[in-house]
Amino acid sequence: MKKPSPEAKALSLFLMAYKKEDPVCKDKSRRINKQWELVKSGGLSHEDYVKEVEDMLTSLGGYSEVLEKTVQFYIEKTGEWKLEGDDKYCMDAKEVANKILKQK
């Protein structure tokens, strides 16, 4: 089983952050989670899932914008960015977090 891409991770974390505030995000979160479950069970191809992720990301402004909004959300909520890791998403997010925290 392939791991979710940086784009899928960005989308998932964004939707998690905003689903309580925005019913559209809640619906998208439910849908993309259901799609991932279908991929894991063999009911949906990974390629179709990736296309769905890309379409949703585009509708939300793209990877960079979603990444920035997610990091901003959690910094405003907790005062810091806690997610660590050496994958592309974590490194991109840490870079955005450092810029945001320097501006404060």
N, C-alpha and C. Protein backbone atom coordinates (compact mmCIF):
# COMPACT_ATOMS: atom_id res chain seq x y z
N MET A 1 0.85 -1.19 0.00
CA MET A 1 0.00 0.00 0.00
C MET A 1 0.88 1.25 0.00
N LYS A 2 0.63 2.10 -0.95
CA LYS A 2 1.38 3.36 -1.03
C LYS A 2 0.93 4.29 0.09
N LYS A 3 1.88 5.10 0.56
CA LYS A 3 1.53 6.13 1.54
C LYS A 3 0.84 7.27 0.81
N PRO A 4 0.00 8.01 1.52
CA PRO A 4 -0.61 9.18 0.89
C PRO A 4 0.48 10.17 0.46
N SER A 5 0.25 10.83 -0.65
CA SER A 5 1.19 11.81 -1.18
C SER A 5 1.21 13.06 -0.31
N PRO A 6 2.22 13.94 -0.50
CA PRO A 6 2.22 15.21 0.23
C PRO A 6 0.94 16.00 -0.02
N GLU A 7 0.44 15.91 -1.25
CA GLU A 7 -0.80 16.61 -1.60
C GLU A 7 -1.99 16.06 -0.81
N ALA A 8 -2.06 14.73 -0.70
CA ALA A 8 -3.15 14.10 0.06
C ALA A 8 -3.04 14.46 1.54
N LYS A 9 -1.83 14.49 2.04
CA LYS A 9 -1.60 14.86 3.44
C LYS A 9 -2.02 16.31 3.68
N ALA A 10 -1.64 17.19 2.76
CA ALA A 10 -2.01 18.61 2.87
C ALA A 10 -3.53 18.76 2.88
N LEU A 11 -4.18 18.08 1.97
CA LEU A 11 -5.64 18.17 1.88
C LEU A 11 -6.29 17.63 3.16
N SER A 12 -5.85 16.49 3.62
CA SER A 12 -6.43 15.87 4.80
C SER A 12 -6.29 16.76 6.03
N LEU A 13 -5.10 17.30 6.26
CA LEU A 13 -4.87 18.15 7.43
C LEU A 13 -5.66 19.46 7.33
N PHE A 14 -5.76 20.01 6.13
CA PHE A 14 -6.55 21.23 5.93
C PHE A 14 -8.01 20.97 6.26
N LEU A 15 -8.55 19.89 5.71
CA LEU A 15 -9.96 19.58 5.94
C LEU A 15 -10.23 19.27 7.42
N MET A 16 -9.28 18.60 8.07
CA MET A 16 -9.41 18.35 9.49
C MET A 16 -9.48 19.65 10.29
N ALA A 17 -8.64 20.59 9.90
CA ALA A 17 -8.58 21.88 10.61
C ALA A 17 -9.88 22.66 10.45
N TYR A 18 -10.42 22.68 9.26
CA TYR A 18 -11.54 23.58 8.97
C TYR A 18 -12.92 22.92 8.97
N LYS A 19 -13.01 21.62 9.19
CA LYS A 19 -14.30 20.94 9.07
C LYS A 19 -15.32 21.39 10.12
N LYS A 20 -14.86 21.84 11.28
CA LYS A 20 -15.81 22.30 12.30
C LYS A 20 -16.40 23.66 11.94
N GLU A 21 -15.64 24.46 11.21
CA GLU A 21 -16.06 25.81 10.85
C GLU A 21 -16.81 25.88 9.53
N ASP A 22 -16.56 24.94 8.65
CA ASP A 22 -17.08 25.03 7.29
C ASP A 22 -17.71 23.70 6.88
N PRO A 23 -19.05 23.69 6.69
CA PRO A 23 -19.71 22.44 6.30
C PRO A 23 -19.20 21.86 4.98
N VAL A 24 -18.75 22.71 4.07
CA VAL A 24 -18.20 22.22 2.80
C VAL A 24 -16.93 21.40 3.07
N CYS A 25 -16.09 21.90 3.96
CA CYS A 25 -14.88 21.16 4.32
C CYS A 25 -15.22 19.85 5.01
N LYS A 26 -16.25 19.86 5.83
CA LYS A 26 -16.68 18.63 6.50
C LYS A 26 -17.12 17.58 5.47
N ASP A 27 -17.89 18.02 4.47
CA ASP A 27 -18.32 17.10 3.42
C ASP A 27 -17.14 16.58 2.60
N LYS A 28 -16.22 17.48 2.26
CA LYS A 28 -15.05 17.06 1.48
C LYS A 28 -14.19 16.09 2.29
N SER A 29 -14.07 16.34 3.59
CA SER A 29 -13.29 15.47 4.45
C SER A 29 -13.90 14.07 4.48
N ARG A 30 -15.21 14.00 4.63
CA ARG A 30 -15.89 12.71 4.63
C ARG A 30 -15.66 11.98 3.31
N ARG A 31 -15.79 12.73 2.22
CA ARG A 31 -15.65 12.13 0.89
C ARG A 31 -14.24 11.59 0.65
N ILE A 32 -13.22 12.40 0.96
CA ILE A 32 -11.86 11.97 0.67
C ILE A 32 -11.45 10.81 1.58
N ASN A 33 -11.94 10.80 2.81
CA ASN A 33 -11.65 9.67 3.70
C ASN A 33 -12.30 8.39 3.19
N LYS A 34 -13.52 8.53 2.68
CA LYS A 34 -14.22 7.38 2.11
C LYS A 34 -13.47 6.86 0.88
N GLN A 35 -12.97 7.81 0.07
CA GLN A 35 -12.20 7.41 -1.14
C GLN A 35 -10.94 6.65 -0.74
N TRP A 36 -10.25 7.11 0.32
CA TRP A 36 -9.02 6.44 0.76
C TRP A 36 -9.34 5.03 1.25
N GLU A 37 -10.45 4.88 1.97
CA GLU A 37 -10.86 3.56 2.42
C GLU A 37 -11.12 2.64 1.22
N LEU A 38 -11.73 3.19 0.16
CA LEU A 38 -11.96 2.40 -1.05
C LEU A 38 -10.65 1.97 -1.70
N VAL A 39 -9.66 2.86 -1.69
CA VAL A 39 -8.34 2.51 -2.24
C VAL A 39 -7.76 1.35 -1.43
N LYS A 40 -7.82 1.46 -0.12
CA LYS A 40 -7.24 0.42 0.75
C LYS A 40 -7.94 -0.92 0.57
N SER A 41 -9.25 -0.90 0.29
CA SER A 41 -9.99 -2.15 0.13
C SER A 41 -9.99 -2.65 -1.32
N GLY A 42 -9.39 -1.88 -2.23
CA GLY A 42 -9.33 -2.30 -3.63
C GLY A 42 -10.52 -1.88 -4.46
N GLY A 43 -11.41 -1.07 -3.89
CA GLY A 43 -12.60 -0.63 -4.60
C GLY A 43 -12.40 0.59 -5.48
N LEU A 44 -11.23 1.22 -5.36
CA LEU A 44 -10.91 2.41 -6.16
C LEU A 44 -9.42 2.37 -6.48
N SER A 45 -9.07 2.74 -7.69
CA SER A 45 -7.65 2.74 -8.05
C SER A 45 -6.95 3.92 -7.39
N HIS A 46 -5.67 3.73 -7.14
CA HIS A 46 -4.86 4.80 -6.53
C HIS A 46 -4.85 6.02 -7.45
N GLU A 47 -4.83 5.78 -8.75
CA GLU A 47 -4.81 6.88 -9.72
C GLU A 47 -6.09 7.71 -9.64
N ASP A 48 -7.23 7.06 -9.48
CA ASP A 48 -8.49 7.80 -9.34
C ASP A 48 -8.52 8.60 -8.05
N TYR A 49 -7.96 8.03 -7.00
CA TYR A 49 -7.86 8.74 -5.72
C TYR A 49 -6.98 9.99 -5.86
N VAL A 50 -5.83 9.83 -6.50
CA VAL A 50 -4.92 10.96 -6.70
C VAL A 50 -5.61 12.06 -7.51
N LYS A 51 -6.36 11.69 -8.52
CA LYS A 51 -7.10 12.69 -9.31
C LYS A 51 -8.11 13.42 -8.44
N GLU A 52 -8.82 12.70 -7.60
CA GLU A 52 -9.79 13.32 -6.68
C GLU A 52 -9.09 14.30 -5.73
N VAL A 53 -7.94 13.90 -5.19
CA VAL A 53 -7.16 14.77 -4.30
C VAL A 53 -6.74 16.04 -5.05
N GLU A 54 -6.21 15.86 -6.26
CA GLU A 54 -5.76 17.00 -7.04
C GLU A 54 -6.91 17.94 -7.36
N ASP A 55 -8.07 17.40 -7.72
CA ASP A 55 -9.24 18.23 -8.02
C ASP A 55 -9.69 19.02 -6.78
N MET A 56 -9.71 18.37 -5.64
CA MET A 56 -10.10 19.06 -4.40
C MET A 56 -9.09 20.13 -4.03
N LEU A 57 -7.82 19.79 -4.15
CA LEU A 57 -6.77 20.79 -3.84
C LEU A 57 -6.92 22.02 -4.74
N THR A 58 -7.14 21.78 -6.01
CA THR A 58 -7.31 22.88 -6.96
C THR A 58 -8.51 23.75 -6.57
N SER A 59 -9.60 23.11 -6.17
CA SER A 59 -10.80 23.87 -5.78
C SER A 59 -10.56 24.70 -4.52
N LEU A 60 -9.54 24.34 -3.73
CA LEU A 60 -9.23 25.06 -2.50
C LEU A 60 -8.05 26.01 -2.66
N GLY A 61 -7.53 26.16 -3.87
CA GLY A 61 -6.44 27.09 -4.12
C GLY A 61 -5.09 26.47 -4.40
N GLY A 62 -5.00 25.15 -4.35
CA GLY A 62 -3.74 24.47 -4.65
C GLY A 62 -2.95 24.10 -3.41
N TYR A 63 -1.93 23.29 -3.62
CA TYR A 63 -1.10 22.74 -2.53
C TYR A 63 -0.52 23.84 -1.64
N SER A 64 0.12 24.83 -2.24
CA SER A 64 0.79 25.86 -1.44
C SER A 64 -0.18 26.64 -0.57
N GLU A 65 -1.32 27.01 -1.14
CA GLU A 65 -2.30 27.78 -0.38
C GLU A 65 -2.90 26.95 0.74
N VAL A 66 -3.23 25.72 0.47
CA VAL A 66 -3.79 24.83 1.48
C VAL A 66 -2.77 24.61 2.60
N LEU A 67 -1.52 24.40 2.23
CA LEU A 67 -0.44 24.22 3.21
C LEU A 67 -0.34 25.45 4.11
N GLU A 68 -0.28 26.63 3.52
CA GLU A 68 -0.15 27.86 4.29
C GLU A 68 -1.34 28.09 5.22
N LYS A 69 -2.56 27.88 4.72
CA LYS A 69 -3.76 28.07 5.55
C LYS A 69 -3.79 27.09 6.71
N THR A 70 -3.35 25.86 6.47
CA THR A 70 -3.34 24.85 7.54
C THR A 70 -2.33 25.23 8.62
N VAL A 71 -1.13 25.58 8.22
CA VAL A 71 -0.09 25.96 9.18
C VAL A 71 -0.55 27.19 9.97
N GLN A 72 -1.08 28.18 9.26
CA GLN A 72 -1.58 29.40 9.91
C GLN A 72 -2.67 29.05 10.93
N PHE A 73 -3.59 28.19 10.56
CA PHE A 73 -4.69 27.78 11.44
C PHE A 73 -4.13 27.23 12.76
N TYR A 74 -3.21 26.29 12.67
CA TYR A 74 -2.69 25.65 13.88
C TYR A 74 -1.79 26.58 14.69
N ILE A 75 -1.05 27.46 14.05
CA ILE A 75 -0.25 28.43 14.79
C ILE A 75 -1.16 29.40 15.55
N GLU A 76 -2.23 29.85 14.90
CA GLU A 76 -3.17 30.73 15.59
C GLU A 76 -3.87 30.02 16.74
N LYS A 77 -4.15 28.74 16.55
CA LYS A 77 -4.87 27.97 17.57
C LYS A 77 -3.98 27.59 18.75
N THR A 78 -2.74 27.18 18.47
CA THR A 78 -1.88 26.65 19.54
C THR A 78 -0.63 27.49 19.81
N GLY A 79 -0.32 28.43 18.92
CA GLY A 79 0.88 29.24 19.09
C GLY A 79 2.15 28.63 18.52
N GLU A 80 2.02 27.44 17.94
CA GLU A 80 3.21 26.79 17.38
C GLU A 80 2.81 25.78 16.32
N TRP A 81 3.82 25.27 15.60
CA TRP A 81 3.62 24.20 14.63
C TRP A 81 4.36 22.98 15.16
N LYS A 82 3.62 21.90 15.44
CA LYS A 82 4.20 20.74 16.11
C LYS A 82 4.55 19.58 15.19
N LEU A 83 3.97 19.52 14.00
CA LEU A 83 4.17 18.36 13.13
C LEU A 83 5.63 18.27 12.68
N GLU A 84 6.24 17.15 12.96
CA GLU A 84 7.64 16.92 12.58
C GLU A 84 7.70 15.73 11.63
N GLY A 85 8.71 15.71 10.82
CA GLY A 85 8.92 14.58 9.92
C GLY A 85 9.88 14.96 8.82
N ASP A 86 10.30 13.97 8.06
CA ASP A 86 11.25 14.25 6.98
C ASP A 86 10.63 14.05 5.60
N ASP A 87 9.29 13.91 5.56
CA ASP A 87 8.63 13.81 4.26
C ASP A 87 8.42 15.22 3.69
N LYS A 88 8.08 15.29 2.42
CA LYS A 88 7.96 16.58 1.72
C LYS A 88 6.96 17.51 2.40
N TYR A 89 5.79 16.98 2.79
CA TYR A 89 4.79 17.83 3.42
C TYR A 89 5.32 18.46 4.71
N CYS A 90 5.93 17.64 5.57
CA CYS A 90 6.43 18.15 6.85
C CYS A 90 7.52 19.22 6.64
N MET A 91 8.39 18.99 5.68
CA MET A 91 9.46 19.96 5.42
C MET A 91 8.87 21.26 4.85
N ASP A 92 7.92 21.16 3.92
CA ASP A 92 7.27 22.35 3.37
C ASP A 92 6.53 23.11 4.46
N ALA A 93 5.82 22.39 5.33
CA ALA A 93 5.05 23.01 6.40
C ALA A 93 5.97 23.70 7.40
N LYS A 94 7.08 23.07 7.73
CA LYS A 94 8.04 23.66 8.69
C LYS A 94 8.59 24.97 8.13
N GLU A 95 8.86 25.01 6.84
CA GLU A 95 9.35 26.23 6.20
C GLU A 95 8.31 27.35 6.30
N VAL A 96 7.06 27.03 6.03
CA VAL A 96 5.97 28.01 6.13
C VAL A 96 5.82 28.45 7.58
N ALA A 97 5.86 27.51 8.52
CA ALA A 97 5.72 27.83 9.94
C ALA A 97 6.83 28.78 10.40
N ASN A 98 8.05 28.52 9.97
CA ASN A 98 9.16 29.40 10.35
C ASN A 98 8.93 30.83 9.86
N LYS A 99 8.44 30.98 8.63
CA LYS A 99 8.16 32.32 8.10
C LYS A 99 7.07 33.01 8.90
N ILE A 100 5.99 32.28 9.20
CA ILE A 100 4.87 32.86 9.95
C ILE A 100 5.33 33.26 11.35
N LEU A 101 6.09 32.39 12.00
CA LEU A 101 6.51 32.67 13.38
C LEU A 101 7.52 33.82 13.43
N LYS A 102 8.33 34.00 12.39
CA LYS A 102 9.27 35.13 12.35
C LYS A 102 8.53 36.46 12.23
N GLN A 103 7.36 36.44 11.58
CA GLN A 103 6.59 37.67 11.39
C GLN A 103 5.88 38.11 12.67
N LYS A 104 5.76 37.22 13.63
CA LYS A 104 5.04 37.56 14.88
C LYS A 104 5.88 38.37 15.81
